[in-house]
C-alpha atoms as a PDB file:
ATOM      1  CA  MET A   1     -13.628  60.339  23.399  1.00  0.00           C
ATOM      2  CA  ILE A   2      -9.974  59.819  22.557  1.00  0.00           C
ATOM      3  CA  PRO A   3      -9.602  58.992  18.830  1.00  0.00           C
ATOM      4  CA  THR A   4      -8.860  55.354  18.055  1.00  0.00           C
ATOM      5  CA  ILE A   5      -7.165  56.039  14.723  1.00  0.00           C
ATOM      6  CA  GLU A   6      -6.319  59.197  12.784  1.00  0.00           C
ATOM      7  CA  TRP A   7      -4.587  60.304   9.572  1.00  0.00           C
ATOM      8  CA  LYS A   8      -2.234  63.234  10.178  1.00  0.00           C
ATOM      9  CA  ASN A   9       0.380  64.706   7.868  1.00  0.00           C
ATOM     10  CA  GLY A  10       0.656  61.603   5.725  1.00  0.00           C
ATOM     11  CA  ARG A  11       0.914  59.231   8.671  1.00  0.00           C
ATOM     12  CA  VAL A  12      -1.435  56.982  10.628  1.00  0.00           C
ATOM     13  CA  PHE A  13      -1.715  57.337  14.386  1.00  0.00           C
ATOM     14  CA  MET A  14      -3.381  54.778  16.666  1.00  0.00           C
ATOM     15  CA  ILE A  15      -3.836  54.748  20.397  1.00  0.00           C
ATOM     16  CA  ASP A  16      -2.012  51.661  21.692  1.00  0.00           C
ATOM     17  CA  GLN A  17      -4.838  49.652  23.226  1.00  0.00           C
ATOM     18  CA  ARG A  18      -2.405  47.182  24.771  1.00  0.00           C
ATOM     19  CA  LYS A  19      -1.238  49.868  27.193  1.00  0.00           C
ATOM     20  CA  LEU A  20      -4.667  51.085  28.290  1.00  0.00           C
ATOM     21  CA  PRO A  21      -5.939  51.973  30.841  1.00  0.00           C
ATOM     22  CA  PHE A  22      -2.657  52.910  32.487  1.00  0.00           C
ATOM     23  CA  GLU A  23      -0.949  54.692  29.588  1.00  0.00           C
ATOM     24  CA  GLU A  24      -2.460  56.721  26.754  1.00  0.00           C
ATOM     25  CA  VAL A  25       0.228  56.273  24.109  1.00  0.00           C
ATOM     26  CA  PHE A  26      -0.137  56.830  20.364  1.00  0.00           C
ATOM     27  CA  VAL A  27       1.770  54.734  17.822  1.00  0.00           C
ATOM     28  CA  GLU A  28       2.907  56.466  14.628  1.00  0.00           C
ATOM     29  CA  HIS A  29       2.871  54.502  11.356  1.00  0.00           C
ATOM     30  CA  THR A  30       4.824  55.517   8.260  1.00  0.00           C
ATOM     31  CA  CYS A  31       4.235  52.459   6.027  1.00  0.00           C
ATOM     32  CA  TYR A  32       1.586  49.834   5.450  1.00  0.00           C
ATOM     33  CA  LYS A  33       3.708  47.086   7.037  1.00  0.00           C
ATOM     34  CA  ASN A  34       3.657  49.034  10.319  1.00  0.00           C
ATOM     35  CA  VAL A  35      -0.140  49.167  10.123  1.00  0.00           C
ATOM     36  CA  ALA A  36      -0.351  45.429   9.427  1.00  0.00           C
ATOM     37  CA  ASP A  37       1.899  44.739  12.404  1.00  0.00           C
ATOM     38  CA  SER A  38      -0.287  46.868  14.669  1.00  0.00           C
ATOM     39  CA  ILE A  39      -3.424  45.028  13.551  1.00  0.00           C
ATOM     40  CA  LYS A  40      -1.778  41.662  14.132  1.00  0.00           C
ATOM     41  CA  LYS A  41      -0.379  42.616  17.553  1.00  0.00           C
ATOM     42  CA  MET A  42      -3.658  44.250  18.654  1.00  0.00           C
ATOM     43  CA  VAL A  43      -2.403  47.790  18.991  1.00  0.00           C
ATOM     44  CA  ILE A  44      -5.787  48.321  17.333  1.00  0.00           C
ATOM     45  CA  ARG A  45      -8.629  45.801  17.600  1.00  0.00           C
ATOM     46  CA  GLY A  46     -12.380  45.573  17.128  1.00  0.00           C
ATOM     47  CA  ALA A  47     -13.824  44.671  13.730  1.00  0.00           C
ATOM     48  CA  PRO A  48     -14.885  48.160  12.536  1.00  0.00           C
ATOM     49  CA  ALA A  49     -11.618  49.726  13.738  1.00  0.00           C
ATOM     50  CA  ILE A  50      -9.614  47.011  11.975  1.00  0.00           C
ATOM     51  CA  GLY A  51     -11.478  47.829   8.756  1.00  0.00           C
ATOM     52  CA  VAL A  52     -10.597  51.507   9.079  1.00  0.00           C
ATOM     53  CA  ALA A  53      -6.978  50.623   9.866  1.00  0.00           C
ATOM     54  CA  ALA A  54      -6.752  48.395   6.783  1.00  0.00           C
ATOM     55  CA  ALA A  55      -8.107  51.176   4.549  1.00  0.00           C
ATOM     56  CA  MET A  56      -5.622  53.650   5.998  1.00  0.00           C
ATOM     57  CA  GLY A  57      -2.845  51.091   5.599  1.00  0.00           C
ATOM     58  CA  VAL A  58      -3.611  50.887   1.882  1.00  0.00           C
ATOM     59  CA  ALA A  59      -3.673  54.688   1.655  1.00  0.00           C
ATOM     60  CA  LEU A  60      -0.322  54.846   3.403  1.00  0.00           C
ATOM     61  CA  GLY A  61       1.200  52.274   1.069  1.00  0.00           C
ATOM     62  CA  ILE A  62      -0.055  54.063  -2.037  1.00  0.00           C
ATOM     63  CA  SER A  63       1.006  57.486  -0.730  1.00  0.00           C
ATOM     64  CA  ASN A  64       4.595  56.210  -0.610  1.00  0.00           C
ATOM     65  CA  LEU A  65       4.599  55.308  -4.321  1.00  0.00           C
ATOM     66  CA  ASP A  66       6.785  57.322  -6.640  1.00  0.00           C
ATOM     67  CA  ASP A  67       4.645  59.386  -9.039  1.00  0.00           C
ATOM     68  CA  SER A  68       6.561  57.870 -11.947  1.00  0.00           C
ATOM     69  CA  GLU A  69       5.715  54.274 -10.931  1.00  0.00           C
ATOM     70  CA  ASN A  70       4.622  52.524 -14.122  1.00  0.00           C
ATOM     71  CA  ASP A  71       3.385  49.274 -12.582  1.00  0.00           C
ATOM     72  CA  PRO A  72       1.506  50.043  -9.348  1.00  0.00           C
ATOM     73  CA  GLY A  73      -0.524  46.831  -9.613  1.00  0.00           C
ATOM     74  CA  GLY A  74       2.190  44.589  -8.206  1.00  0.00           C
ATOM     75  CA  ILE A  75       2.807  46.883  -5.248  1.00  0.00           C
ATOM     76  CA  PHE A  76      -0.916  47.320  -4.605  1.00  0.00           C
ATOM     77  CA  ASN A  77      -1.494  43.551  -4.611  1.00  0.00           C
ATOM     78  CA  GLU A  78       1.339  43.101  -2.103  1.00  0.00           C
ATOM     79  CA  ILE A  79      -0.182  45.762   0.171  1.00  0.00           C
ATOM     80  CA  ILE A  80      -3.531  43.938   0.009  1.00  0.00           C
ATOM     81  CA  ARG A  81      -1.866  40.588   0.689  1.00  0.00           C
ATOM     82  CA  VAL A  82       0.032  41.810   3.747  1.00  0.00           C
ATOM     83  CA  LEU A  83      -2.924  43.628   5.307  1.00  0.00           C
ATOM     84  CA  GLY A  84      -5.327  40.796   4.430  1.00  0.00           C
ATOM     85  CA  GLY A  85      -3.110  38.290   6.234  1.00  0.00           C
ATOM     86  CA  THR A  86      -3.315  39.969   9.623  1.00  0.00           C
ATOM     87  CA  ARG A  87      -6.517  38.685  11.282  1.00  0.00           C
ATOM     88  CA  PRO A  88      -8.867  36.160   9.646  1.00  0.00           C
ATOM     89  CA  THR A  89     -12.177  36.502  11.524  1.00  0.00           C
ATOM     90  CA  ALA A  90     -13.041  40.233  11.426  1.00  0.00           C
ATOM     91  CA  VAL A  91     -14.768  40.555   8.065  1.00  0.00           C
ATOM     92  CA  ASN A  92     -14.665  44.376   8.124  1.00  0.00           C
ATOM     93  CA  LEU A  93     -10.969  44.031   7.295  1.00  0.00           C
ATOM     94  CA  PHE A  94     -11.748  42.268   4.010  1.00  0.00           C
ATOM     95  CA  TRP A  95     -14.728  44.494   3.266  1.00  0.00           C
ATOM     96  CA  ALA A  96     -12.503  47.591   3.551  1.00  0.00           C
ATOM     97  CA  LEU A  97      -9.829  46.042   1.324  1.00  0.00           C
ATOM     98  CA  GLU A  98     -12.468  45.290  -1.315  1.00  0.00           C
ATOM     99  CA  GLU A  99     -13.567  48.932  -1.197  1.00  0.00           C
ATOM    100  CA  MET A 100      -9.960  50.024  -1.783  1.00  0.00           C
ATOM    101  CA  LYS A 101      -9.633  47.583  -4.696  1.00  0.00           C
ATOM    102  CA  LYS A 102     -12.552  49.309  -6.429  1.00  0.00           C
ATOM    103  CA  VAL A 103     -10.820  52.678  -6.165  1.00  0.00           C
ATOM    104  CA  PHE A 104      -7.519  51.257  -7.419  1.00  0.00           C
ATOM    105  CA  LYS A 105      -9.183  49.633 -10.427  1.00  0.00           C
ATOM    106  CA  THR A 106     -10.748  52.959 -11.447  1.00  0.00           C
ATOM    107  CA  HIS A 107      -7.697  55.202 -10.975  1.00  0.00           C
ATOM    108  CA  GLN A 108      -4.596  52.992 -11.342  1.00  0.00           C
ATOM    109  CA  THR A 109      -3.387  54.698 -14.534  1.00  0.00           C
ATOM    110  CA  ASP A 110      -2.881  58.078 -12.820  1.00  0.00           C
ATOM    111  CA  ILE A 111      -0.682  57.751  -9.713  1.00  0.00           C
ATOM    112  CA  ARG A 112      -1.285  61.252  -8.401  1.00  0.00           C
ATOM    113  CA  LEU A 113      -5.051  60.929  -8.728  1.00  0.00           C
ATOM    114  CA  LEU A 114      -4.877  57.405  -7.318  1.00  0.00           C
ATOM    115  CA  LYS A 115      -3.171  58.688  -4.159  1.00  0.00           C
ATOM    116  CA  GLU A 116      -5.849  61.333  -3.743  1.00  0.00           C
ATOM    117  CA  LYS A 117      -8.782  58.999  -4.319  1.00  0.00           C
ATOM    118  CA  ILE A 118      -7.402  56.159  -2.174  1.00  0.00           C
ATOM    119  CA  LEU A 119      -6.917  58.507   0.788  1.00  0.00           C
ATOM    120  CA  GLU A 120     -10.316  60.056   0.164  1.00  0.00           C
ATOM    121  CA  LYS A 121     -11.904  56.604   0.363  1.00  0.00           C
ATOM    122  CA  ALA A 122     -10.024  55.649   3.536  1.00  0.00           C
ATOM    123  CA  LEU A 123     -11.184  58.829   5.278  1.00  0.00           C
ATOM    124  CA  GLU A 124     -14.713  58.261   4.003  1.00  0.00           C
ATOM    125  CA  ILE A 125     -14.713  54.762   5.541  1.00  0.00           C
ATOM    126  CA  LYS A 126     -13.538  56.229   8.840  1.00  0.00           C
ATOM    127  CA  ASN A 127     -16.081  59.061   8.892  1.00  0.00           C
ATOM    128  CA  ASN A 128     -18.926  56.807   7.785  1.00  0.00           C
ATOM    129  CA  ASP A 129     -18.112  54.337  10.536  1.00  0.00           C
ATOM    130  CA  GLU A 130     -18.705  56.871  13.299  1.00  0.00           C
ATOM    131  CA  LYS A 131     -21.957  58.027  11.662  1.00  0.00           C
ATOM    132  CA  ILE A 132     -23.128  54.432  11.311  1.00  0.00           C
ATOM    133  CA  ASN A 133     -22.338  53.753  14.974  1.00  0.00           C
ATOM    134  CA  ARG A 134     -24.444  56.724  16.032  1.00  0.00           C
ATOM    135  CA  ASP A 135     -27.288  55.423  13.863  1.00  0.00           C
ATOM    136  CA  ILE A 136     -26.944  52.000  15.509  1.00  0.00           C
ATOM    137  CA  GLY A 137     -27.106  53.712  18.886  1.00  0.00           C
ATOM    138  CA  LYS A 138     -30.301  55.606  18.047  1.00  0.00           C
ATOM    139  CA  ILE A 139     -32.001  52.532  16.613  1.00  0.00           C
ATOM    140  CA  GLY A 140     -30.814  50.225  19.378  1.00  0.00           C
ATOM    141  CA  GLU A 141     -31.676  52.335  22.385  1.00  0.00           C
ATOM    142  CA  ILE A 142     -35.351  51.364  22.042  1.00  0.00           C
ATOM    143  CA  VAL A 143     -34.496  47.927  23.490  1.00  0.00           C
ATOM    144  CA  LEU A 144     -33.398  49.561  26.761  1.00  0.00           C
ATOM    145  CA  LYS A 145     -35.738  50.687  29.523  1.00  0.00           C
ATOM    146  CA  LYS A 146     -34.952  53.382  32.031  1.00  0.00           C
ATOM    147  CA  GLY A 147     -32.671  52.083  34.771  1.00  0.00           C
ATOM    148  CA  ASP A 148     -31.670  48.867  32.979  1.00  0.00           C
ATOM    149  CA  THR A 149     -28.431  47.098  33.842  1.00  0.00           C
ATOM    150  CA  VAL A 150     -26.672  45.789  30.737  1.00  0.00           C
ATOM    151  CA  LEU A 151     -24.003  43.101  30.580  1.00  0.00           C
ATOM    152  CA  THR A 152     -21.491  43.466  27.771  1.00  0.00           C
ATOM    153  CA  HIS A 153     -18.567  41.278  26.777  1.00  0.00           C
ATOM    154  CA  CYS A 154     -15.217  42.353  25.348  1.00  0.00           C
ATOM    155  CA  ASN A 155     -15.080  45.961  24.109  1.00  0.00           C
ATOM    156  CA  ALA A 156     -17.501  47.189  21.457  1.00  0.00           C
ATOM    157  CA  GLY A 157     -17.074  50.874  22.200  1.00  0.00           C
ATOM    158  CA  SER A 158     -15.321  53.787  20.559  1.00  0.00           C
ATOM    159  CA  LEU A 159     -11.995  51.935  20.838  1.00  0.00           C
ATOM    160  CA  ALA A 160     -13.331  49.098  18.672  1.00  0.00           C
ATOM    161  CA  THR A 161     -14.545  51.499  15.997  1.00  0.00           C
ATOM    162  CA  ALA A 162     -13.707  54.846  14.449  1.00  0.00           C
ATOM    163  CA  GLY A 163     -15.740  56.422  17.226  1.00  0.00           C
ATOM    164  CA  TYR A 164     -18.822  56.068  19.480  1.00  0.00           C
ATOM    165  CA  GLY A 165     -19.059  52.275  19.373  1.00  0.00           C
ATOM    166  CA  THR A 166     -21.619  49.587  18.538  1.00  0.00           C
ATOM    167  CA  ALA A 167     -22.791  47.817  21.722  1.00  0.00           C
ATOM    168  CA  LEU A 168     -21.530  50.674  23.894  1.00  0.00           C
ATOM    169  CA  GLY A 169     -22.924  53.106  21.331  1.00  0.00           C
ATOM    170  CA  VAL A 170     -26.411  51.792  22.133  1.00  0.00           C
ATOM    171  CA  ILE A 171     -25.737  52.395  25.830  1.00  0.00           C
ATOM    172  CA  ARG A 172     -24.322  55.878  25.152  1.00  0.00           C
ATOM    173  CA  SER A 173     -27.376  56.790  23.100  1.00  0.00           C
ATOM    174  CA  ALA A 174     -29.770  55.510  25.766  1.00  0.00           C
ATOM    175  CA  ASN A 175     -28.013  57.496  28.462  1.00  0.00           C
ATOM    176  CA  SER A 176     -28.092  60.604  26.276  1.00  0.00           C
ATOM    177  CA  SER A 177     -31.872  60.123  26.261  1.00  0.00           C
ATOM    178  CA  GLY A 178     -31.919  60.096  30.065  1.00  0.00           C
ATOM    179  CA  LYS A 179     -32.404  56.354  30.589  1.00  0.00           C
ATOM    180  CA  ASN A 180     -29.656  56.055  33.244  1.00  0.00           C
ATOM    181  CA  ILE A 181     -28.263  52.726  32.055  1.00  0.00           C
ATOM    182  CA  SER A 182     -25.682  50.888  34.165  1.00  0.00           C
ATOM    183  CA  VAL A 183     -23.078  48.530  32.713  1.00  0.00           C
ATOM    184  CA  ILE A 184     -21.649  45.246  33.926  1.00  0.00           C
ATOM    185  CA  ALA A 185     -18.431  44.464  32.064  1.00  0.00           C
ATOM    186  CA  GLY A 186     -17.072  40.951  31.829  1.00  0.00           C
ATOM    187  CA  GLU A 187     -13.279  41.060  32.100  1.00  0.00           C
ATOM    188  CA  THR A 188     -12.834  39.060  28.836  1.00  0.00           C
ATOM    189  CA  ARG A 189      -9.917  36.745  29.381  1.00  0.00           C
ATOM    190  CA  PRO A 190      -7.293  36.327  28.126  1.00  0.00           C
ATOM    191  CA  PHE A 191      -6.737  39.804  26.602  1.00  0.00           C
ATOM    192  CA  LEU A 192      -8.901  41.632  29.183  1.00  0.00           C
ATOM    193  CA  GLN A 193     -10.651  43.955  26.757  1.00  0.00           C
ATOM    194  CA  GLY A 194     -13.577  44.336  29.133  1.00  0.00           C
ATOM    195  CA  ALA A 195     -11.489  45.030  32.217  1.00  0.00           C
ATOM    196  CA  ARG A 196      -9.000  47.316  30.513  1.00  0.00           C
ATOM    197  CA  LEU A 197     -11.002  49.019  27.765  1.00  0.00           C
ATOM    198  CA  THR A 198     -14.756  48.917  28.408  1.00  0.00           C
ATOM    199  CA  VAL A 199     -14.352  49.953  32.039  1.00  0.00           C
ATOM    200  CA  TRP A 200     -11.973  52.751  30.977  1.00  0.00           C
ATOM    201  CA  GLU A 201     -14.439  54.059  28.373  1.00  0.00           C
ATOM    202  CA  MET A 202     -17.394  53.994  30.756  1.00  0.00           C
ATOM    203  CA  GLN A 203     -15.449  55.691  33.537  1.00  0.00           C
ATOM    204  CA  LYS A 204     -14.339  58.398  31.112  1.00  0.00           C
ATOM    205  CA  GLU A 205     -18.002  59.227  30.490  1.00  0.00           C
ATOM    206  CA  ASN A 206     -19.227  58.733  34.062  1.00  0.00           C
ATOM    207  CA  ILE A 207     -21.463  55.832  33.052  1.00  0.00           C
ATOM    208  CA  PRO A 208     -21.873  53.485  36.056  1.00  0.00           C
ATOM    209  CA  VAL A 209     -19.869  50.314  35.418  1.00  0.00           C
ATOM    210  CA  THR A 210     -19.125  47.213  37.491  1.00  0.00           C
ATOM    211  CA  LEU A 211     -16.394  44.756  36.534  1.00  0.00           C
ATOM    212  CA  ILE A 212     -16.905  41.003  36.946  1.00  0.00           C
ATOM    213  CA  THR A 213     -14.882  37.954  36.006  1.00  0.00           C
ATOM    214  CA  ASP A 214     -16.311  36.087  33.036  1.00  0.00           C
ATOM    215  CA  SER A 215     -17.408  33.144  35.210  1.00  0.00           C
ATOM    216  CA  MET A 216     -19.693  35.342  37.346  1.00  0.00           C
ATOM    217  CA  ALA A 217     -22.260  36.164  34.645  1.00  0.00           C
ATOM    218  CA  GLY A 218     -24.565  33.195  35.288  1.00  0.00           C
ATOM    219  CA  TYR A 219     -24.732  33.892  39.016  1.00  0.00           C
ATOM    220  CA  LEU A 220     -25.704  37.515  38.432  1.00  0.00           C
ATOM    221  CA  MET A 221     -28.385  36.432  35.973  1.00  0.00           C
ATOM    222  CA  SER A 222     -29.800  33.981  38.514  1.00  0.00           C
ATOM    223  CA  LYS A 223     -30.100  36.835  41.020  1.00  0.00           C
ATOM    224  CA  GLY A 224     -31.939  39.059  38.547  1.00  0.00           C
ATOM    225  CA  ASP A 225     -29.080  41.584  38.410  1.00  0.00           C
ATOM    226  CA  ILE A 226     -28.860  41.667  34.590  1.00  0.00           C
ATOM    227  CA  ASP A 227     -31.725  42.992  32.472  1.00  0.00           C
ATOM    228  CA  LEU A 228     -30.181  42.690  29.029  1.00  0.00           C
ATOM    229  CA  VAL A 229     -27.011  41.668  27.185  1.00  0.00           C
ATOM    230  CA  ILE A 230     -25.574  43.641  24.263  1.00  0.00           C
ATOM    231  CA  VAL A 231     -22.375  42.587  22.490  1.00  0.00           C
ATOM    232  CA  GLY A 232     -20.597  43.513  19.277  1.00  0.00           C
ATOM    233  CA  ALA A 233     -19.596  41.201  16.425  1.00  0.00           C
ATOM    234  CA  ASP A 234     -16.609  40.400  14.246  1.00  0.00           C
ATOM    235  CA  ARG A 235     -18.498  38.556  11.526  1.00  0.00           C
ATOM    236  CA  ILE A 236     -22.167  37.734  10.982  1.00  0.00           C
ATOM    237  CA  ALA A 237     -23.197  34.939   8.635  1.00  0.00           C
ATOM    238  CA  LEU A 238     -26.129  35.128   6.236  1.00  0.00           C
ATOM    239  CA  ASN A 239     -28.302  33.078   8.622  1.00  0.00           C
ATOM    240  CA  GLY A 240     -27.552  35.435  11.530  1.00  0.00           C
ATOM    241  CA  ASP A 241     -24.973  33.236  13.293  1.00  0.00           C
ATOM    242  CA  THR A 242     -22.477  35.593  14.875  1.00  0.00           C
ATOM    243  CA  ALA A 243     -18.752  35.403  15.607  1.00  0.00           C
ATOM    244  CA  ASN A 244     -17.697  37.490  18.580  1.00  0.00           C
ATOM    245  CA  LYS A 245     -15.052  37.380  21.299  1.00  0.00           C
ATOM    246  CA  ILE A 246     -14.571  33.990  22.924  1.00  0.00           C
ATOM    247  CA  GLY A 247     -17.054  33.571  25.769  1.00  0.00           C
ATOM    248  CA  THR A 248     -19.957  35.225  23.948  1.00  0.00           C
ATOM    249  CA  TYR A 249     -21.608  31.886  23.157  1.00  0.00           C
ATOM    250  CA  SER A 250     -21.539  30.889  26.827  1.00  0.00           C
ATOM    251  CA  ILE A 251     -23.263  34.134  27.792  1.00  0.00           C
ATOM    252  CA  ALA A 252     -25.905  33.618  25.102  1.00  0.00           C
ATOM    253  CA  VAL A 253     -26.683  30.126  26.426  1.00  0.00           C
ATOM    254  CA  LEU A 254     -27.074  31.561  29.942  1.00  0.00           C
ATOM    255  CA  THR A 255     -29.442  34.280  28.732  1.00  0.00           C
ATOM    256  CA  LYS A 256     -31.621  31.671  27.032  1.00  0.00           C
ATOM    257  CA  PHE A 257     -31.943  29.723  30.288  1.00  0.00           C
ATOM    258  CA  HIS A 258     -32.708  32.869  32.315  1.00  0.00           C
ATOM    259  CA  ASN A 259     -35.021  34.396  29.693  1.00  0.00           C
ATOM    260  CA  ILE A 260     -32.866  37.522  29.309  1.00  0.00           C
ATOM    261  CA  PRO A 261     -32.742  39.393  25.964  1.00  0.00           C
ATOM    262  CA  PHE A 262     -29.459  38.976  24.071  1.00  0.00           C
ATOM    263  CA  TYR A 263     -28.657  41.555  21.374  1.00  0.00           C
ATOM    264  CA  VAL A 264     -25.811  41.940  18.888  1.00  0.00           C
ATOM    265  CA  ALA A 265     -24.958  45.455  17.652  1.00  0.00           C
ATOM    266  CA  ALA A 266     -22.946  45.723  14.450  1.00  0.00           C
ATOM    267  CA  PRO A 267     -22.764  47.631  11.157  1.00  0.00           C
ATOM    268  CA  LEU A 268     -23.848  45.958   7.930  1.00  0.00           C
ATOM    269  CA  SER A 269     -20.180  45.809   6.901  1.00  0.00           C
ATOM    270  CA  THR A 270     -19.772  43.097   9.571  1.00  0.00           C
ATOM    271  CA  ILE A 271     -22.168  40.835   7.687  1.00  0.00           C
ATOM    272  CA  ASP A 272     -20.485  38.316   5.403  1.00  0.00           C
ATOM    273  CA  PRO A 273     -22.969  37.230   2.717  1.00  0.00           C
ATOM    274  CA  ASP A 274     -20.484  34.582   1.546  1.00  0.00           C
ATOM    275  CA  SER A 275     -20.728  32.759   4.894  1.00  0.00           C
ATOM    276  CA  LYS A 276     -24.061  30.930   4.863  1.00  0.00           C
ATOM    277  CA  SER A 277     -23.760  29.939   8.529  1.00  0.00           C
ATOM    278  CA  GLY A 278     -21.392  30.155  11.459  1.00  0.00           C
ATOM    279  CA  LEU A 279     -19.798  26.887  10.350  1.00  0.00           C
ATOM    280  CA  GLU A 280     -18.144  28.791   7.486  1.00  0.00           C
ATOM    281  CA  ILE A 281     -16.638  31.557   9.631  1.00  0.00           C
ATOM    282  CA  PRO A 282     -12.870  31.123  10.197  1.00  0.00           C
ATOM    283  CA  ILE A 283     -11.872  31.305  13.846  1.00  0.00           C
ATOM    284  CA  GLU A 284      -8.534  32.937  14.651  1.00  0.00           C
ATOM    285  CA  GLU A 285      -6.271  31.091  17.082  1.00  0.00           C
ATOM    286  CA  ARG A 286      -3.892  33.277  19.042  1.00  0.00           C
ATOM    287  CA  PRO A 287      -0.602  32.523  20.849  1.00  0.00           C
ATOM    288  CA  GLY A 288      -0.725  30.336  23.948  1.00  0.00           C
ATOM    289  CA  SER A 289       1.402  32.902  25.770  1.00  0.00           C
ATOM    290  CA  GLU A 290      -1.712  35.094  26.119  1.00  0.00           C
ATOM    291  CA  VAL A 291      -3.257  32.409  28.366  1.00  0.00           C
ATOM    292  CA  ARG A 292      -0.103  31.279  30.138  1.00  0.00           C
ATOM    293  CA  ASN A 293       0.377  34.844  31.317  1.00  0.00           C
ATOM    294  CA  PHE A 294      -1.929  37.293  33.052  1.00  0.00           C
ATOM    295  CA  HIS A 295      -1.171  40.860  32.065  1.00  0.00           C
ATOM    296  CA  GLY A 296       2.562  40.225  31.928  1.00  0.00           C
ATOM    297  CA  SER A 297       2.887  37.728  34.804  1.00  0.00           C
ATOM    298  CA  GLN A 298       3.285  34.008  34.151  1.00  0.00           C
ATOM    299  CA  ILE A 299       0.571  31.955  35.890  1.00  0.00           C
ATOM    300  CA  THR A 300       1.294  28.404  34.668  1.00  0.00           C
ATOM    301  CA  PRO A 301       4.382  26.427  33.611  1.00  0.00           C
ATOM    302  CA  SER A 302       5.840  27.669  30.336  1.00  0.00           C
ATOM    303  CA  ASN A 303       5.454  24.230  28.723  1.00  0.00           C
ATOM    304  CA  THR A 304       1.690  24.105  29.396  1.00  0.00           C
ATOM    305  CA  GLN A 305      -0.291  23.257  26.261  1.00  0.00           C
ATOM    306  CA  VAL A 306      -2.838  25.950  25.464  1.00  0.00           C
ATOM    307  CA  TYR A 307      -5.806  26.218  23.123  1.00  0.00           C
ATOM    308  CA  ASN A 308      -6.594  29.892  22.527  1.00  0.00           C
ATOM    309  CA  PRO A 309      -9.380  30.579  19.989  1.00  0.00           C
ATOM    310  CA  ALA A 310     -10.048  34.321  19.876  1.00  0.00           C
ATOM    311  CA  PHE A 311     -13.730  33.980  18.920  1.00  0.00           C
ATOM    312  CA  ASP A 312     -16.713  31.675  19.166  1.00  0.00           C
ATOM    313  CA  ILE A 313     -19.998  31.377  17.249  1.00  0.00           C
ATOM    314  CA  THR A 314     -23.395  32.255  18.698  1.00  0.00           C
ATOM    315  CA  PRO A 315     -26.269  30.690  16.698  1.00  0.00           C
ATOM    316  CA  PHE A 316     -29.016  33.090  15.657  1.00  0.00           C
ATOM    317  CA  GLU A 317     -31.566  31.066  17.634  1.00  0.00           C
ATOM    318  CA  LEU A 318     -29.925  32.404  20.812  1.00  0.00           C
ATOM    319  CA  ILE A 319     -29.991  36.031  19.595  1.00  0.00           C
ATOM    320  CA  THR A 320     -32.989  38.255  20.347  1.00  0.00           C
ATOM    321  CA  GLY A 321     -32.018  40.741  17.654  1.00  0.00           C
ATOM    322  CA  ILE A 322     -29.144  42.087  15.556  1.00  0.00           C
ATOM    323  CA  ILE A 323     -29.052  45.875  15.744  1.00  0.00           C
ATOM    324  CA  THR A 324     -27.776  47.496  12.535  1.00  0.00           C
ATOM    325  CA  GLU A 325     -27.813  51.017  11.123  1.00  0.00           C
ATOM    326  CA  ASN A 326     -30.823  49.981   8.989  1.00  0.00           C
ATOM    327  CA  GLY A 327     -32.930  48.403  11.719  1.00  0.00           C
ATOM    328  CA  ILE A 328     -33.129  45.435  14.079  1.00  0.00           C
ATOM    329  CA  ILE A 329     -33.177  41.895  12.661  1.00  0.00           C
ATOM    330  CA  ARG A 330     -35.311  39.736  14.950  1.00  0.00           C
ATOM    331  CA  THR A 331     -36.621  37.027  12.609  1.00  0.00           C
ATOM    332  CA  ASP A 332     -35.940  35.587   9.143  1.00  0.00           C
ATOM    333  CA  PRO A 333     -32.305  36.822   9.132  1.00  0.00           C
ATOM    334  CA  GLU A 334     -31.296  35.640   5.650  1.00  0.00           C
ATOM    335  CA  LYS A 335     -34.142  37.435   3.906  1.00  0.00           C
ATOM    336  CA  LYS A 336     -33.740  40.616   5.946  1.00  0.00           C
ATOM    337  CA  ILE A 337     -29.961  40.664   5.614  1.00  0.00           C
ATOM    338  CA  LYS A 338     -30.176  40.293   1.836  1.00  0.00           C
ATOM    339  CA  ASN A 339     -32.709  43.135   1.636  1.00  0.00           C
ATOM    340  CA  MET A 340     -30.575  45.397   3.830  1.00  0.00           C
ATOM    341  CA  LEU A 341     -27.424  44.720   1.834  1.00  0.00           C
ATOM    342  CA  LYS A 342     -29.228  45.481  -1.444  1.00  0.00           C
ATOM    343  CA  LYS A 343     -30.282  48.891  -0.124  1.00  0.00           C
ATOM    344  CA  LYS A 344     -26.936  49.691   1.501  1.00  0.00           C
ATOM    345  CA  GLU A 345     -24.789  52.299  -0.236  1.00  0.00           C
ATOM    346  CA  TYR A 346     -21.121  52.438   0.765  1.00  0.00           C
END
């Protein structure tokens, strides 16, 4: 697997996901504003990966401080503000920033030690993310039977994380166990994460994958061609309602009608205990140009009015289970989420 994000020689490197699958180009970042720009412009995307990028952005900003700086608080708060203003829905971003705030509070009086501890925490978040994804994969693979065909939406693979993936991590783990899982990838308009990224990841690992347009999912379900759906998440409310890439809700409704299991795979850091339900999850709206154009080519008049929400909300009642690193939540989500978060050590 090609690394999504890395820290090398005091700089942050990200594979530019906008250029995949045709070019494998890495973007070098030398300051936190560069990192924020890359998050906003989707050089890097996927909730867990955004969290890692935010942590590394803080580390980069602090590493550039002069050792004699006598008031790092103002600079630190500005770093947090800029990175926190990039994308509103993916809660991992804010979770990672809160983790960095804890480190700053403890070590702010010693700049040299602060730099060391902030970087140490950012790398810990990155390394833990890949381990957590592998745990999700091991726990989640029990929902898959040998020879199953799984529909996934958007990209919840290694590119959306620090490595291995959430929804695709479950598929990877199942195939490692010899279950011979096949994937159907929805293209995921308008940014084409499924067509460009999920297909690329699966082909890299020789996992059978078929690309469909988003509007084909119901037809395939009616024919019995889909055994299961697994998607990732950008934010999960306390009641289990889940924000994921736009189009996820439609798929969940279709699975309910066709009696097909619908699973969400996500780390506990994607759960927002402050959001009691999906009604409290902010939904990012992206530029209309993403819809007026198709991969660089204009497909409608430039003055066409566009509504372009990046995410939608799937109610927990449509979800068969939420696969986390601590187990699968199938019923009573609020109680189980609270218990899992109490036990979780970051």
